[in-house]
C-alpha atoms as a PDB file:
ATOM      1  CA  MET A   1      28.022 -61.110  10.943  1.00  0.00           C
ATOM      2  CA  HIS A   2      27.684 -62.068   7.405  1.00  0.00           C
ATOM      3  CA  SER A   3      25.288 -59.505   6.878  1.00  0.00           C
ATOM      4  CA  ILE A   4      28.228 -56.293   8.551  1.00  0.00           C
ATOM      5  CA  GLU A   5      30.702 -57.799   5.897  1.00  0.00           C
ATOM      6  CA  TYR A   6      28.171 -57.992   3.461  1.00  0.00           C
ATOM      7  CA  ASP A   7      26.908 -54.537   4.004  1.00  0.00           C
ATOM      8  CA  LEU A   8      30.911 -52.930   4.505  1.00  0.00           C
ATOM      9  CA  ALA A   9      31.556 -54.342   0.622  1.00  0.00           C
ATOM     10  CA  VAL A  10      28.648 -52.970  -0.148  1.00  0.00           C
ATOM     11  CA  SER A  11      29.457 -50.200   0.264  1.00  0.00           C
ATOM     12  CA  ARG A  12      32.988 -49.757  -0.221  1.00  0.00           C
ATOM     13  CA  LEU A  13      31.867 -50.977  -4.065  1.00  0.00           C
ATOM     14  CA  ARG A  14      30.060 -47.638  -4.113  1.00  0.00           C
ATOM     15  CA  GLU A  15      32.337 -45.688  -3.097  1.00  0.00           C
ATOM     16  CA  LEU A  16      34.703 -47.341  -5.993  1.00  0.00           C
ATOM     17  CA  ARG A  17      31.758 -46.523  -8.572  1.00  0.00           C
ATOM     18  CA  ALA A  18      32.239 -42.866  -7.179  1.00  0.00           C
ATOM     19  CA  GLU A  19      35.477 -42.489  -7.248  1.00  0.00           C
ATOM     20  CA  ALA A  20      35.763 -43.889 -10.842  1.00  0.00           C
ATOM     21  CA  ASP A  21      33.025 -42.032 -11.783  1.00  0.00           C
ATOM     22  CA  ALA A  22      34.267 -38.688 -11.257  1.00  0.00           C
ATOM     23  CA  ASP A  23      38.292 -40.001 -12.743  1.00  0.00           C
ATOM     24  CA  ALA A  24      35.979 -40.475 -15.348  1.00  0.00           C
ATOM     25  CA  ARG A  25      34.459 -37.289 -15.860  1.00  0.00           C
ATOM     26  CA  ALA A  26      37.809 -35.685 -14.885  1.00  0.00           C
ATOM     27  CA  ARG A  27      39.245 -37.266 -17.429  1.00  0.00           C
ATOM     28  CA  ARG A  28      36.515 -36.525 -20.496  1.00  0.00           C
ATOM     29  CA  LEU A  29      36.877 -32.994 -18.802  1.00  0.00           C
ATOM     30  CA  ARG A  30      40.658 -32.798 -19.793  1.00  0.00           C
ATOM     31  CA  ALA A  31      39.948 -33.429 -23.297  1.00  0.00           C
ATOM     32  CA  ALA A  32      37.425 -31.668 -24.485  1.00  0.00           C
ATOM     33  CA  ARG A  33      39.580 -28.882 -23.045  1.00  0.00           C
ATOM     34  CA  ARG A  34      42.622 -30.049 -24.936  1.00  0.00           C
ATOM     35  CA  TRP A  35      40.243 -30.362 -28.418  1.00  0.00           C
ATOM     36  CA  ALA A  36      38.995 -26.832 -27.491  1.00  0.00           C
ATOM     37  CA  ARG A  37      42.554 -25.287 -27.324  1.00  0.00           C
ATOM     38  CA  ARG A  38      42.824 -27.127 -30.641  1.00  0.00           C
ATOM     39  CA  ALA A  39      40.107 -25.748 -32.649  1.00  0.00           C
ATOM     40  CA  GLU A  40      40.825 -22.254 -31.537  1.00  0.00           C
ATOM     41  CA  TYR A  41      44.432 -23.045 -32.525  1.00  0.00           C
ATOM     42  CA  ALA A  42      43.431 -24.436 -36.685  1.00  0.00           C
ATOM     43  CA  THR A  43      41.089 -21.777 -36.336  1.00  0.00           C
ATOM     44  CA  ARG A  44      43.951 -18.738 -35.608  1.00  0.00           C
ATOM     45  CA  ARG A  45      45.852 -20.743 -38.251  1.00  0.00           C
ATOM     46  CA  ALA A  46      43.270 -20.361 -41.441  1.00  0.00           C
ATOM     47  CA  ALA A  47      42.624 -17.305 -40.223  1.00  0.00           C
ATOM     48  CA  ARG A  48      46.547 -17.236 -40.814  1.00  0.00           C
ATOM     49  CA  ALA A  49      46.397 -18.689 -44.353  1.00  0.00           C
ATOM     50  CA  SER A  50      43.260 -16.709 -45.419  1.00  0.00           C
ATOM     51  CA  ALA A  51      44.888 -13.248 -44.438  1.00  0.00           C
ATOM     52  CA  ALA A  52      48.393 -14.657 -46.268  1.00  0.00           C
ATOM     53  CA  VAL A  53      47.105 -15.474 -49.325  1.00  0.00           C
ATOM     54  CA  ARG A  54      44.392 -11.811 -49.628  1.00  0.00           C
END
């Protein structure tokens, strides 16, 4: 009986870790997209500023 409970607990922990890893990957992906968007905006802003100076 103890072995079955242990196996269930280990299985559940494995599932929770997998969910946590997936959540972390999703957060990193969202952050990367956000930073890429900010970099693109900054590039455009710099180009406009450079064009205004000429």
